[in-house]
PDB file of N, CA and C in Angstrom:
ATOM      1  N   MET A   1      15.944  64.205 100.260  1.00  0.00           N
ATOM      2  CA  MET A   1      15.124  65.223  99.630  1.00  0.00           C
ATOM      3  C   MET A   1      15.923  65.905  98.527  1.00  0.00           C
ATOM      4  N   THR A   2      15.278  66.125  97.397  1.00  0.00           N
ATOM      5  CA  THR A   2      15.972  66.765  96.284  1.00  0.00           C
ATOM      6  C   THR A   2      15.984  68.274  96.475  1.00  0.00           C
ATOM      7  N   PRO A   3      17.059  68.907  96.050  1.00  0.00           N
ATOM      8  CA  PRO A   3      17.126  70.362  96.209  1.00  0.00           C
ATOM      9  C   PRO A   3      16.108  71.053  95.317  1.00  0.00           C
ATOM     10  N   SER A   4      15.596  72.178  95.788  1.00  0.00           N
ATOM     11  CA  SER A   4      14.626  72.942  95.010  1.00  0.00           C
ATOM     12  C   SER A   4      15.344  73.882  94.060  1.00  0.00           C
ATOM     13  N   SER A   5      14.646  74.239  93.021  1.00  0.00           N
ATOM     14  CA  SER A   5      15.184  75.239  92.116  1.00  0.00           C
ATOM     15  C   SER A   5      14.894  76.612  92.709  1.00  0.00           C
ATOM     16  N   THR A   6      15.458  77.637  92.132  1.00  0.00           N
ATOM     17  CA  THR A   6      15.215  78.985  92.642  1.00  0.00           C
ATOM     18  C   THR A   6      13.795  79.447  92.372  1.00  0.00           C
ATOM     19  N   THR A   7      13.047  78.685  91.586  1.00  0.00           N
ATOM     20  CA  THR A   7      11.640  78.999  91.364  1.00  0.00           C
ATOM     21  C   THR A   7      10.779  78.567  92.551  1.00  0.00           C
ATOM     22  N   GLY A   8      11.353  77.787  93.466  1.00  0.00           N
ATOM     23  CA  GLY A   8      10.604  77.277  94.603  1.00  0.00           C
ATOM     24  C   GLY A   8       9.993  75.915  94.338  1.00  0.00           C
ATOM     25  N   LEU A   9      10.153  75.418  93.109  1.00  0.00           N
ATOM     26  CA  LEU A   9       9.627  74.101  92.745  1.00  0.00           C
ATOM     27  C   LEU A   9      10.681  73.034  92.991  1.00  0.00           C
ATOM     28  N   ASP A  10      10.224  71.818  93.209  1.00  0.00           N
ATOM     29  CA  ASP A  10      11.125  70.681  93.257  1.00  0.00           C
ATOM     30  C   ASP A  10      11.867  70.617  91.923  1.00  0.00           C
ATOM     31  N   ASP A  11      13.147  70.279  91.934  1.00  0.00           N
ATOM     32  CA  ASP A  11      13.928  70.313  90.696  1.00  0.00           C
ATOM     33  C   ASP A  11      13.407  69.334  89.647  1.00  0.00           C
ATOM     34  N   ARG A  12      12.872  68.189  90.059  1.00  0.00           N
ATOM     35  CA  ARG A  12      12.313  67.240  89.082  1.00  0.00           C
ATOM     36  C   ARG A  12      11.070  67.812  88.412  1.00  0.00           C
ATOM     37  N   LEU A  13      10.212  68.450  89.211  1.00  0.00           N
ATOM     38  CA  LEU A  13       9.010  69.062  88.657  1.00  0.00           C
ATOM     39  C   LEU A  13       9.385  70.210  87.722  1.00  0.00           C
ATOM     40  N   ALA A  14      10.305  71.051  88.152  1.00  0.00           N
ATOM     41  CA  ALA A  14      10.732  72.178  87.325  1.00  0.00           C
ATOM     42  C   ALA A  14      11.341  71.683  86.011  1.00  0.00           C
ATOM     43  N   SER A  15      12.141  70.618  86.088  1.00  0.00           N
ATOM     44  CA  SER A  15      12.753  70.059  84.877  1.00  0.00           C
ATOM     45  C   SER A  15      11.703  69.519  83.919  1.00  0.00           C
ATOM     46  N   ALA A  16      10.699  68.827  84.441  1.00  0.00           N
ATOM     47  CA  ALA A  16       9.625  68.304  83.588  1.00  0.00           C
ATOM     48  C   ALA A  16       8.807  69.447  82.992  1.00  0.00           C
ATOM     49  N   LEU A  17       8.559  70.478  83.782  1.00  0.00           N
ATOM     50  CA  LEU A  17       7.784  71.620  83.290  1.00  0.00           C
ATOM     51  C   LEU A  17       8.516  72.387  82.190  1.00  0.00           C
ATOM     52  N   CYS A  18       9.840  72.291  82.164  1.00  0.00           N
ATOM     53  CA  CYS A  18      10.611  72.952  81.106  1.00  0.00           C
ATOM     54  C   CYS A  18      10.173  72.484  79.718  1.00  0.00           C
ATOM     55  N   TYR A  19       9.694  71.247  79.634  1.00  0.00           N
ATOM     56  CA  TYR A  19       9.273  70.682  78.352  1.00  0.00           C
ATOM     57  C   TYR A  19       7.766  70.799  78.123  1.00  0.00           C
ATOM     58  N   SER A  20       7.012  71.215  79.132  1.00  0.00           N
ATOM     59  CA  SER A  20       5.555  71.110  79.077  1.00  0.00           C
ATOM     60  C   SER A  20       4.915  71.860  77.911  1.00  0.00           C
ATOM     61  N   ALA A  21       5.393  73.022  77.571  1.00  0.00           N
ATOM     62  CA  ALA A  21       4.846  73.774  76.437  1.00  0.00           C
ATOM     63  C   ALA A  21       5.947  74.026  75.411  1.00  0.00           C
ATOM     64  N   TRP A  22       6.719  72.984  75.182  1.00  0.00           N
ATOM     65  CA  TRP A  22       7.812  73.012  74.204  1.00  0.00           C
ATOM     66  C   TRP A  22       8.782  74.152  74.501  1.00  0.00           C
ATOM     67  N   TRP A  23       9.158  74.922  73.522  1.00  0.00           N
ATOM     68  CA  TRP A  23      10.185  75.948  73.681  1.00  0.00           C
ATOM     69  C   TRP A  23       9.715  77.123  74.534  1.00  0.00           C
ATOM     70  N   MET A  24       8.420  77.334  74.647  1.00  0.00           N
ATOM     71  CA  MET A  24       7.920  78.488  75.406  1.00  0.00           C
ATOM     72  C   MET A  24       8.236  78.359  76.897  1.00  0.00           C
ATOM     73  N   THR A  25       8.047  77.151  77.455  1.00  0.00           N
ATOM     74  CA  THR A  25       8.391  76.977  78.869  1.00  0.00           C
ATOM     75  C   THR A  25       9.901  76.881  79.042  1.00  0.00           C
ATOM     76  N   GLY A  26      10.597  76.475  77.988  1.00  0.00           N
ATOM     77  CA  GLY A  26      12.059  76.510  78.041  1.00  0.00           C
ATOM     78  C   GLY A  26      12.560  77.925  78.269  1.00  0.00           C
ATOM     79  N   ILE A  27      12.019  78.865  77.499  1.00  0.00           N
ATOM     80  CA  ILE A  27      12.394  80.275  77.678  1.00  0.00           C
ATOM     81  C   ILE A  27      12.010  80.756  79.077  1.00  0.00           C
ATOM     82  N   LEU A  28      10.809  80.421  79.505  1.00  0.00           N
ATOM     83  CA  LEU A  28      10.326  80.854  80.809  1.00  0.00           C
ATOM     84  C   LEU A  28      11.258  80.395  81.931  1.00  0.00           C
ATOM     85  N   PHE A  29      11.629  79.117  81.919  1.00  0.00           N
ATOM     86  CA  PHE A  29      12.492  78.612  82.983  1.00  0.00           C
ATOM     87  C   PHE A  29      13.928  79.104  82.861  1.00  0.00           C
ATOM     88  N   LEU A  30      14.388  79.412  81.664  1.00  0.00           N
ATOM     89  CA  LEU A  30      15.719  80.017  81.531  1.00  0.00           C
ATOM     90  C   LEU A  30      15.745  81.398  82.174  1.00  0.00           C
ATOM     91  N   VAL A  31      14.653  82.119  82.059  1.00  0.00           N
ATOM     92  CA  VAL A  31      14.571  83.452  82.651  1.00  0.00           C
ATOM     93  C   VAL A  31      14.397  83.364  84.169  1.00  0.00           C
ATOM     94  N   LEU A  32      13.545  82.446  84.623  1.00  0.00           N
ATOM     95  CA  LEU A  32      13.228  82.364  86.054  1.00  0.00           C
ATOM     96  C   LEU A  32      14.287  81.648  86.886  1.00  0.00           C
ATOM     97  N   GLU A  33      14.857  80.605  86.351  1.00  0.00           N
ATOM     98  CA  GLU A  33      15.817  79.795  87.108  1.00  0.00           C
ATOM     99  C   GLU A  33      17.208  80.417  87.017  1.00  0.00           C
ATOM    100  N   ARG A  34      17.783  80.710  88.155  1.00  0.00           N
ATOM    101  CA  ARG A  34      19.091  81.369  88.180  1.00  0.00           C
ATOM    102  C   ARG A  34      20.249  80.458  88.576  1.00  0.00           C
ATOM    103  N   GLN A  35      19.980  79.391  89.354  1.00  0.00           N
ATOM    104  CA  GLN A  35      21.087  78.645  89.933  1.00  0.00           C
ATOM    105  C   GLN A  35      21.127  77.165  89.574  1.00  0.00           C
ATOM    106  N   HIS A  36      20.006  76.502  89.559  1.00  0.00           N
ATOM    107  CA  HIS A  36      20.003  75.045  89.416  1.00  0.00           C
ATOM    108  C   HIS A  36      20.419  74.646  88.004  1.00  0.00           C
ATOM    109  N   ARG A  37      21.593  74.084  87.910  1.00  0.00           N
ATOM    110  CA  ARG A  37      22.188  73.753  86.611  1.00  0.00           C
ATOM    111  C   ARG A  37      21.340  72.746  85.833  1.00  0.00           C
ATOM    112  N   GLY A  38      20.777  71.756  86.521  1.00  0.00           N
ATOM    113  CA  GLY A  38      19.968  70.739  85.853  1.00  0.00           C
ATOM    114  C   GLY A  38      18.707  71.310  85.242  1.00  0.00           C
ATOM    115  N   VAL A  39      18.024  72.169  85.982  1.00  0.00           N
ATOM    116  CA  VAL A  39      16.800  72.788  85.482  1.00  0.00           C
ATOM    117  C   VAL A  39      17.135  73.697  84.308  1.00  0.00           C
ATOM    118  N   ARG A  40      18.211  74.452  84.419  1.00  0.00           N
ATOM    119  CA  ARG A  40      18.618  75.328  83.312  1.00  0.00           C
ATOM    120  C   ARG A  40      18.968  74.513  82.070  1.00  0.00           C
ATOM    121  N   PHE A  41      19.595  73.345  82.253  1.00  0.00           N
ATOM    122  CA  PHE A  41      19.909  72.504  81.101  1.00  0.00           C
ATOM    123  C   PHE A  41      18.632  72.027  80.416  1.00  0.00           C
ATOM    124  N   HIS A  42      17.668  71.535  81.196  1.00  0.00           N
ATOM    125  CA  HIS A  42      16.409  71.065  80.606  1.00  0.00           C
ATOM    126  C   HIS A  42      15.688  72.208  79.886  1.00  0.00           C
ATOM    127  N   ALA A  43      15.717  73.392  80.475  1.00  0.00           N
ATOM    128  CA  ALA A  43      15.079  74.548  79.838  1.00  0.00           C
ATOM    129  C   ALA A  43      15.763  74.882  78.514  1.00  0.00           C
ATOM    130  N   ALA A  44      17.076  74.878  78.519  1.00  0.00           N
ATOM    131  CA  ALA A  44      17.825  75.193  77.301  1.00  0.00           C
ATOM    132  C   ALA A  44      17.645  74.108  76.239  1.00  0.00           C
ATOM    133  N   GLN A  45      17.647  72.850  76.662  1.00  0.00           N
ATOM    134  CA  GLN A  45      17.460  71.760  75.705  1.00  0.00           C
ATOM    135  C   GLN A  45      16.059  71.830  75.096  1.00  0.00           C
ATOM    136  N   SER A  46      15.065  72.177  75.905  1.00  0.00           N
ATOM    137  CA  SER A  46      13.710  72.341  75.405  1.00  0.00           C
ATOM    138  C   SER A  46      13.651  73.459  74.367  1.00  0.00           C
ATOM    139  N   LEU A  47      14.292  74.556  74.677  1.00  0.00           N
ATOM    140  CA  LEU A  47      14.320  75.700  73.763  1.00  0.00           C
ATOM    141  C   LEU A  47      14.971  75.326  72.437  1.00  0.00           C
ATOM    142  N   VAL A  48      16.139  74.717  72.504  1.00  0.00           N
ATOM    143  CA  VAL A  48      16.879  74.363  71.284  1.00  0.00           C
ATOM    144  C   VAL A  48      16.139  73.300  70.486  1.00  0.00           C
ATOM    145  N   LEU A  49      15.752  72.227  71.138  1.00  0.00           N
ATOM    146  CA  LEU A  49      15.152  71.096  70.441  1.00  0.00           C
ATOM    147  C   LEU A  49      13.776  71.428  69.878  1.00  0.00           C
ATOM    148  N   PHE A  50      12.886  71.893  70.740  1.00  0.00           N
ATOM    149  CA  PHE A  50      11.517  72.129  70.289  1.00  0.00           C
ATOM    150  C   PHE A  50      11.381  73.442  69.517  1.00  0.00           C
ATOM    151  N   GLY A  51      12.288  74.370  69.755  1.00  0.00           N
ATOM    152  CA  GLY A  51      12.324  75.561  68.913  1.00  0.00           C
ATOM    153  C   GLY A  51      12.706  75.193  67.493  1.00  0.00           C
ATOM    154  N   SER A  52      13.707  74.339  67.355  1.00  0.00           N
ATOM    155  CA  SER A  52      14.128  73.875  66.028  1.00  0.00           C
ATOM    156  C   SER A  52      13.032  73.060  65.351  1.00  0.00           C
ATOM    157  N   LEU A  53      12.421  72.164  66.097  1.00  0.00           N
ATOM    158  CA  LEU A  53      11.338  71.361  65.524  1.00  0.00           C
ATOM    159  C   LEU A  53      10.147  72.231  65.115  1.00  0.00           C
ATOM    160  N   SER A  54       9.867  73.263  65.875  1.00  0.00           N
ATOM    161  CA  SER A  54       8.782  74.183  65.512  1.00  0.00           C
ATOM    162  C   SER A  54       9.096  74.888  64.196  1.00  0.00           C
ATOM    163  N   LEU A  55      10.338  75.313  64.037  1.00  0.00           N
ATOM    164  CA  LEU A  55      10.739  75.959  62.789  1.00  0.00           C
ATOM    165  C   LEU A  55      10.649  74.993  61.614  1.00  0.00           C
ATOM    166  N   VAL A  56      11.051  73.750  61.836  1.00  0.00           N
ATOM    167  CA  VAL A  56      10.949  72.741  60.784  1.00  0.00           C
ATOM    168  C   VAL A  56       9.483  72.519  60.406  1.00  0.00           C
ATOM    169  N   LEU A  57       8.610  72.436  61.393  1.00  0.00           N
ATOM    170  CA  LEU A  57       7.189  72.224  61.117  1.00  0.00           C
ATOM    171  C   LEU A  57       6.569  73.405  60.370  1.00  0.00           C
ATOM    172  N   VAL A  58       6.971  74.616  60.734  1.00  0.00           N
ATOM    173  CA  VAL A  58       6.479  75.794  60.013  1.00  0.00           C
ATOM    174  C   VAL A  58       6.978  75.765  58.572  1.00  0.00           C
ATOM    175  N   ALA A  59       8.255  75.458  58.376  1.00  0.00           N
ATOM    176  CA  ALA A  59       8.814  75.395  57.020  1.00  0.00           C
ATOM    177  C   ALA A  59       8.111  74.321  56.186  1.00  0.00           C
ATOM    178  N   LEU A  60       7.846  73.177  56.791  1.00  0.00           N
ATOM    179  CA  LEU A  60       7.134  72.124  56.071  1.00  0.00           C
ATOM    180  C   LEU A  60       5.703  72.527  55.743  1.00  0.00           C
ATOM    181  N   GLY A  61       5.075  73.267  56.624  1.00  0.00           N
ATOM    182  CA  GLY A  61       3.731  73.765  56.355  1.00  0.00           C
ATOM    183  C   GLY A  61       3.709  74.733  55.185  1.00  0.00           C
ATOM    184  N   VAL A  62       4.687  75.629  55.151  1.00  0.00           N
ATOM    185  CA  VAL A  62       4.790  76.573  54.030  1.00  0.00           C
ATOM    186  C   VAL A  62       5.084  75.821  52.739  1.00  0.00           C
ATOM    187  N   PHE A  63       6.025  74.873  52.820  1.00  0.00           N
ATOM    188  CA  PHE A  63       6.353  74.078  51.631  1.00  0.00           C
ATOM    189  C   PHE A  63       5.138  73.296  51.148  1.00  0.00           C
ATOM    190  N   SER A  64       4.385  72.745  52.077  1.00  0.00           N
ATOM    191  CA  SER A  64       3.188  71.981  51.724  1.00  0.00           C
ATOM    192  C   SER A  64       2.166  72.871  51.025  1.00  0.00           C
ATOM    193  N   ALA A  65       1.983  74.077  51.520  1.00  0.00           N
ATOM    194  CA  ALA A  65       1.039  75.004  50.899  1.00  0.00           C
ATOM    195  C   ALA A  65       1.493  75.404  49.503  1.00  0.00           C
ATOM    196  N   LEU A  66       2.790  75.658  49.355  1.00  0.00           N
ATOM    197  CA  LEU A  66       3.317  76.015  48.038  1.00  0.00           C
ATOM    198  C   LEU A  66       3.277  74.825  47.084  1.00  0.00           C
ATOM    199  N   ALA A  67       3.526  73.634  47.627  1.00  0.00           N
ATOM    200  CA  ALA A  67       3.517  72.433  46.787  1.00  0.00           C
ATOM    201  C   ALA A  67       2.128  72.132  46.267  1.00  0.00           C
ATOM    202  N   MET A  68       1.110  72.572  46.984  1.00  0.00           N
ATOM    203  CA  MET A  68      -0.258  72.344  46.543  1.00  0.00           C
ATOM    204  C   MET A  68      -0.508  73.031  45.191  1.00  0.00           C
ATOM    205  N   VAL A  69       0.154  74.161  44.985  1.00  0.00           N
ATOM    206  CA  VAL A  69       0.018  74.892  43.727  1.00  0.00           C
ATOM    207  C   VAL A  69       0.698  74.127  42.595  1.00  0.00           C
ATOM    208  N   VAL A  70       1.820  73.482  42.899  1.00  0.00           N
ATOM    209  CA  VAL A  70       2.597  72.776  41.885  1.00  0.00           C
ATOM    210  C   VAL A  70       1.946  71.447  41.509  1.00  0.00           C
ATOM    211  N   SER A  71       1.746  70.603  42.505  1.00  0.00           N
ATOM    212  CA  SER A  71       1.113  69.305  42.230  1.00  0.00           C
ATOM    213  C   SER A  71       0.567  68.714  43.513  1.00  0.00           C
ATOM    214  N   SER A  72      -0.446  67.897  43.367  1.00  0.00           N
ATOM    215  CA  SER A  72      -1.038  67.269  44.550  1.00  0.00           C
ATOM    216  C   SER A  72      -0.095  66.228  45.146  1.00  0.00           C
ATOM    217  N   GLN A  73       0.746  65.604  44.322  1.00  0.00           N
ATOM    218  CA  GLN A  73       1.690  64.618  44.841  1.00  0.00           C
ATOM    219  C   GLN A  73       2.752  65.282  45.711  1.00  0.00           C
ATOM    220  N   ALA A  74       3.256  66.426  45.277  1.00  0.00           N
ATOM    221  CA  ALA A  74       4.239  67.150  46.081  1.00  0.00           C
ATOM    222  C   ALA A  74       3.624  67.586  47.399  1.00  0.00           C
ATOM    223  N   HIS A  75       2.381  68.007  47.340  1.00  0.00           N
ATOM    224  CA  HIS A  75       1.676  68.402  48.560  1.00  0.00           C
ATOM    225  C   HIS A  75       1.521  67.210  49.505  1.00  0.00           C
ATOM    226  N   GLN A  76       1.167  66.060  48.972  1.00  0.00           N
ATOM    227  CA  GLN A  76       0.996  64.865  49.801  1.00  0.00           C
ATOM    228  C   GLN A  76       2.312  64.431  50.441  1.00  0.00           C
ATOM    229  N   VAL A  77       3.393  64.520  49.697  1.00  0.00           N
ATOM    230  CA  VAL A  77       4.709  64.158  50.243  1.00  0.00           C
ATOM    231  C   VAL A  77       5.087  65.125  51.370  1.00  0.00           C
ATOM    232  N   ALA A  78       4.912  66.414  51.123  1.00  0.00           N
ATOM    233  CA  ALA A  78       5.233  67.410  52.150  1.00  0.00           C
ATOM    234  C   ALA A  78       4.360  67.223  53.389  1.00  0.00           C
ATOM    235  N   ARG A  79       3.107  66.939  53.194  1.00  0.00           N
ATOM    236  CA  ARG A  79       2.184  66.727  54.307  1.00  0.00           C
ATOM    237  C   ARG A  79       2.576  65.483  55.112  1.00  0.00           C
ATOM    238  N   ALA A  80       2.927  64.399  54.408  1.00  0.00           N
ATOM    239  CA  ALA A  80       3.347  63.168  55.087  1.00  0.00           C
ATOM    240  C   ALA A  80       4.622  63.393  55.881  1.00  0.00           C
ATOM    241  N   LEU A  81       5.555  64.155  55.314  1.00  0.00           N
ATOM    242  CA  LEU A  81       6.795  64.460  56.022  1.00  0.00           C
ATOM    243  C   LEU A  81       6.517  65.295  57.266  1.00  0.00           C
ATOM    244  N   ALA A  82       5.647  66.284  57.146  1.00  0.00           N
ATOM    245  CA  ALA A  82       5.285  67.109  58.299  1.00  0.00           C
ATOM    246  C   ALA A  82       4.599  66.267  59.382  1.00  0.00           C
ATOM    247  N   ASP A  83       3.731  65.366  58.971  1.00  0.00           N
ATOM    248  CA  ASP A  83       3.065  64.489  59.937  1.00  0.00           C
ATOM    249  C   ASP A  83       4.068  63.591  60.659  1.00  0.00           C
ATOM    250  N   ALA A  84       5.050  63.062  59.926  1.00  0.00           N
ATOM    251  CA  ALA A  84       6.076  62.206  60.530  1.00  0.00           C
ATOM    252  C   ALA A  84       6.913  62.994  61.538  1.00  0.00           C
ATOM    253  N   VAL A  85       7.275  64.219  61.191  1.00  0.00           N
ATOM    254  CA  VAL A  85       8.049  65.064  62.112  1.00  0.00           C
ATOM    255  C   VAL A  85       7.208  65.358  63.354  1.00  0.00           C
ATOM    256  N   TRP A  86       5.931  65.649  63.164  1.00  0.00           N
ATOM    257  CA  TRP A  86       5.047  65.949  64.289  1.00  0.00           C
ATOM    258  C   TRP A  86       4.932  64.756  65.244  1.00  0.00           C
ATOM    259  N   VAL A  87       4.730  63.563  64.704  1.00  0.00           N
ATOM    260  CA  VAL A  87       4.614  62.362  65.546  1.00  0.00           C
ATOM    261  C   VAL A  87       5.932  62.106  66.279  1.00  0.00           C
ATOM    262  N   GLY A  88       7.039  62.231  65.567  1.00  0.00           N
ATOM    263  CA  GLY A  88       8.346  62.047  66.204  1.00  0.00           C
ATOM    264  C   GLY A  88       8.579  63.048  67.322  1.00  0.00           C
ATOM    265  N   ALA A  89       8.194  64.295  67.094  1.00  0.00           N
ATOM    266  CA  ALA A  89       8.358  65.331  68.113  1.00  0.00           C
ATOM    267  C   ALA A  89       7.477  65.052  69.327  1.00  0.00           C
ATOM    268  N   ALA A  90       6.264  64.567  69.094  1.00  0.00           N
ATOM    269  CA  ALA A  90       5.358  64.252  70.201  1.00  0.00           C
ATOM    270  C   ALA A  90       5.906  63.106  71.055  1.00  0.00           C
ATOM    271  N   VAL A  91       6.439  62.088  70.400  1.00  0.00           N
ATOM    272  CA  VAL A  91       7.044  60.968  71.133  1.00  0.00           C
ATOM    273  C   VAL A  91       8.254  61.450  71.925  1.00  0.00           C
ATOM    274  N   LEU A  92       9.092  62.245  71.291  1.00  0.00           N
ATOM    275  CA  LEU A  92      10.269  62.794  71.956  1.00  0.00           C
ATOM    276  C   LEU A  92       9.866  63.644  73.162  1.00  0.00           C
ATOM    277  N   TRP A  93       8.809  64.421  73.017  1.00  0.00           N
ATOM    278  CA  TRP A  93       8.310  65.255  74.104  1.00  0.00           C
ATOM    279  C   TRP A  93       7.900  64.395  75.305  1.00  0.00           C
ATOM    280  N   VAL A  94       7.149  63.335  75.061  1.00  0.00           N
ATOM    281  CA  VAL A  94       6.703  62.454  76.149  1.00  0.00           C
ATOM    282  C   VAL A  94       7.906  61.830  76.855  1.00  0.00           C
ATOM    283  N   VAL A  95       8.857  61.343  76.083  1.00  0.00           N
ATOM    284  CA  VAL A  95      10.055  60.718  76.663  1.00  0.00           C
ATOM    285  C   VAL A  95      10.810  61.721  77.527  1.00  0.00           C
ATOM    286  N   LEU A  96      10.980  62.930  77.048  1.00  0.00           N
ATOM    287  CA  LEU A  96      11.734  63.933  77.804  1.00  0.00           C
ATOM    288  C   LEU A  96      11.007  64.347  79.084  1.00  0.00           C
ATOM    289  N   VAL A  97       9.696  64.501  79.024  1.00  0.00           N
ATOM    290  CA  VAL A  97       8.931  64.859  80.231  1.00  0.00           C
ATOM    291  C   VAL A  97       9.040  63.748  81.269  1.00  0.00           C
ATOM    292  N   VAL A  98       8.862  62.508  80.845  1.00  0.00           N
ATOM    293  CA  VAL A  98       8.912  61.380  81.779  1.00  0.00           C
ATOM    294  C   VAL A  98      10.304  61.241  82.376  1.00  0.00           C
ATOM    295  N   ARG A  99      11.327  61.319  81.549  1.00  0.00           N
ATOM    296  CA  ARG A  99      12.694  61.182  82.070  1.00  0.00           C
ATOM    297  C   ARG A  99      13.054  62.319  83.021  1.00  0.00           C
ATOM    298  N   ALA A 100      12.647  63.534  82.694  1.00  0.00           N
ATOM    299  CA  ALA A 100      12.921  64.661  83.588  1.00  0.00           C
ATOM    300  C   ALA A 100      12.190  64.473  84.913  1.00  0.00           C
ATOM    301  N   TRP A 101      10.953  63.988  84.852  1.00  0.00           N
ATOM    302  CA  TRP A 101      10.181  63.749  86.071  1.00  0.00           C
ATOM    303  C   TRP A 101      10.854  62.697  86.949  1.00  0.00           C
ATOM    304  N   ARG A 102      11.475  61.709  86.319  1.00  0.00           N
ATOM    305  CA  ARG A 102      12.180  60.663  87.068  1.00  0.00           C
ATOM    306  C   ARG A 102      13.530  61.135  87.600  1.00  0.00           C
ATOM    307  N   GLY A 103      13.931  62.331  87.247  1.00  0.00           N
ATOM    308  CA  GLY A 103      15.219  62.858  87.690  1.00  0.00           C
ATOM    309  C   GLY A 103      16.367  62.496  86.767  1.00  0.00           C
ATOM    310  N   GLU A 104      16.058  61.967  85.611  1.00  0.00           N
ATOM    311  CA  GLU A 104      17.080  61.592  84.632  1.00  0.00           C
ATOM    312  C   GLU A 104      17.332  62.756  83.686  1.00  0.00           C
ATOM    313  N   THR A 105      18.530  62.809  83.164  1.00  0.00           N
ATOM    314  CA  THR A 105      18.861  63.810  82.160  1.00  0.00           C
ATOM    315  C   THR A 105      19.234  63.079  80.890  1.00  0.00           C
ATOM    316  N   TRP A 106      18.360  63.171  79.903  1.00  0.00           N
ATOM    317  CA  TRP A 106      18.644  62.567  78.607  1.00  0.00           C
ATOM    318  C   TRP A 106      19.165  63.657  77.695  1.00  0.00           C
ATOM    319  N   ARG A 107      20.392  63.483  77.266  1.00  0.00           N
ATOM    320  CA  ARG A 107      21.040  64.468  76.409  1.00  0.00           C
ATOM    321  C   ARG A 107      20.753  64.124  74.957  1.00  0.00           C
ATOM    322  N   VAL A 108      19.863  64.892  74.343  1.00  0.00           N
ATOM    323  CA  VAL A 108      19.505  64.684  72.945  1.00  0.00           C
ATOM    324  C   VAL A 108      20.694  65.142  72.093  1.00  0.00           C
ATOM    325  N   PRO A 109      21.186  64.262  71.210  1.00  0.00           N
ATOM    326  CA  PRO A 109      22.345  64.636  70.386  1.00  0.00           C
ATOM    327  C   PRO A 109      22.129  65.967  69.662  1.00  0.00           C
ATOM    328  N   LEU A 110      23.160  66.718  69.535  1.00  0.00           N
ATOM    329  CA  LEU A 110      23.207  68.053  68.937  1.00  0.00           C
ATOM    330  C   LEU A 110      22.526  69.106  69.809  1.00  0.00           C
ATOM    331  N   ALA A 111      21.306  68.868  70.199  1.00  0.00           N
ATOM    332  CA  ALA A 111      20.582  69.844  71.019  1.00  0.00           C
ATOM    333  C   ALA A 111      21.260  70.016  72.381  1.00  0.00           C
ATOM    334  N   ALA A 112      21.763  68.939  72.950  1.00  0.00           N
ATOM    335  CA  ALA A 112      22.386  69.008  74.281  1.00  0.00           C
ATOM    336  C   ALA A 112      23.657  69.851  74.259  1.00  0.00           C
ATOM    337  N   THR A 113      24.409  69.754  73.198  1.00  0.00           N
ATOM    338  CA  THR A 113      25.647  70.543  73.089  1.00  0.00           C
ATOM    339  C   THR A 113      25.324  72.032  73.077  1.00  0.00           C
ATOM    340  N   LEU A 114      24.341  72.419  72.282  1.00  0.00           N
ATOM    341  CA  LEU A 114      23.923  73.820  72.252  1.00  0.00           C
ATOM    342  C   LEU A 114      23.299  74.224  73.583  1.00  0.00           C
ATOM    343  N   ALA A 115      22.552  73.327  74.184  1.00  0.00           N
ATOM    344  CA  ALA A 115      21.895  73.626  75.471  1.00  0.00           C
ATOM    345  C   ALA A 115      22.921  73.875  76.568  1.00  0.00           C
ATOM    346  N   ASP A 116      24.029  73.149  76.552  1.00  0.00           N
ATOM    347  CA  ASP A 116      25.078  73.380  77.552  1.00  0.00           C
ATOM    348  C   ASP A 116      25.561  74.817  77.523  1.00  0.00           C
ATOM    349  N   GLY A 117      25.785  75.328  76.312  1.00  0.00           N
ATOM    350  CA  GLY A 117      26.245  76.710  76.186  1.00  0.00           C
ATOM    351  C   GLY A 117      25.218  77.716  76.671  1.00  0.00           C
ATOM    352  N   ILE A 118      23.961  77.475  76.341  1.00  0.00           N
ATOM    353  CA  ILE A 118      22.892  78.389  76.760  1.00  0.00           C
ATOM    354  C   ILE A 118      22.683  78.309  78.264  1.00  0.00           C
ATOM    355  N   ALA A 119      22.680  77.102  78.811  1.00  0.00           N
ATOM    356  CA  ALA A 119      22.427  76.922  80.250  1.00  0.00           C
ATOM    357  C   ALA A 119      23.520  77.529  81.112  1.00  0.00           C
ATOM    358  N   SER A 120      24.729  77.607  80.585  1.00  0.00           N
ATOM    359  CA  SER A 120      25.836  78.130  81.386  1.00  0.00           C
ATOM    360  C   SER A 120      25.800  79.647  81.507  1.00  0.00           C
ATOM    361  N   LYS A 121      25.044  80.325  80.648  1.00  0.00           N
ATOM    362  CA  LYS A 121      24.899  81.781  80.762  1.00  0.00           C
ATOM    363  C   LYS A 121      24.043  82.080  81.984  1.00  0.00           C
ATOM    364  N   THR A 122      24.473  83.054  82.777  1.00  0.00           N
ATOM    365  CA  THR A 122      23.754  83.339  84.016  1.00  0.00           C
ATOM    366  C   THR A 122      22.751  84.469  83.874  1.00  0.00           C
ATOM    367  N   SER A 123      22.813  85.237  82.804  1.00  0.00           N
ATOM    368  CA  SER A 123      21.851  86.327  82.655  1.00  0.00           C
ATOM    369  C   SER A 123      21.270  86.331  81.258  1.00  0.00           C
ATOM    370  N   TRP A 124      20.036  86.824  81.181  1.00  0.00           N
ATOM    371  CA  TRP A 124      19.341  86.912  79.890  1.00  0.00           C
ATOM    372  C   TRP A 124      18.895  88.319  79.690  1.00  0.00           C
TER     373      TRP A 124
END
C-alpha cells in the first residue's frame, strides 16, 4: 500500500491532482501538503512549469493583439506561435498527469530544479 499524503489522499492521486488545474492546484497542494516530499515536488513543478507557460501564453496573446495593429502577418505569426505553445503545454499536461498517476516522477528540465527548492520549504 502506498503511503497517504497529509491531505488524506493516496499519494499517486494527490500527485496527479497537483497538475489537474495547472499552477492553481500546484499552489493548493503546496499549501495543503506538509510532509510528503513527492506530492510537494509535483505541486511545485506544476506551479513553476504551468505558471511559466501561462505567463508565456498571456505575453503571446498581448503581442498578438498588438501585432494586429502593425500587420496581419505579424498577428498570424504570433497567433501560430501561441497555438503551438498551447498544444505543447496540453500534451505536457497529459503526460505529467498520467506519469504522476502511475507513481512516476518525471523531472521536467529547468522546472524540476526550481521545484526542488520550492518543495523543500516547509511553510508558506
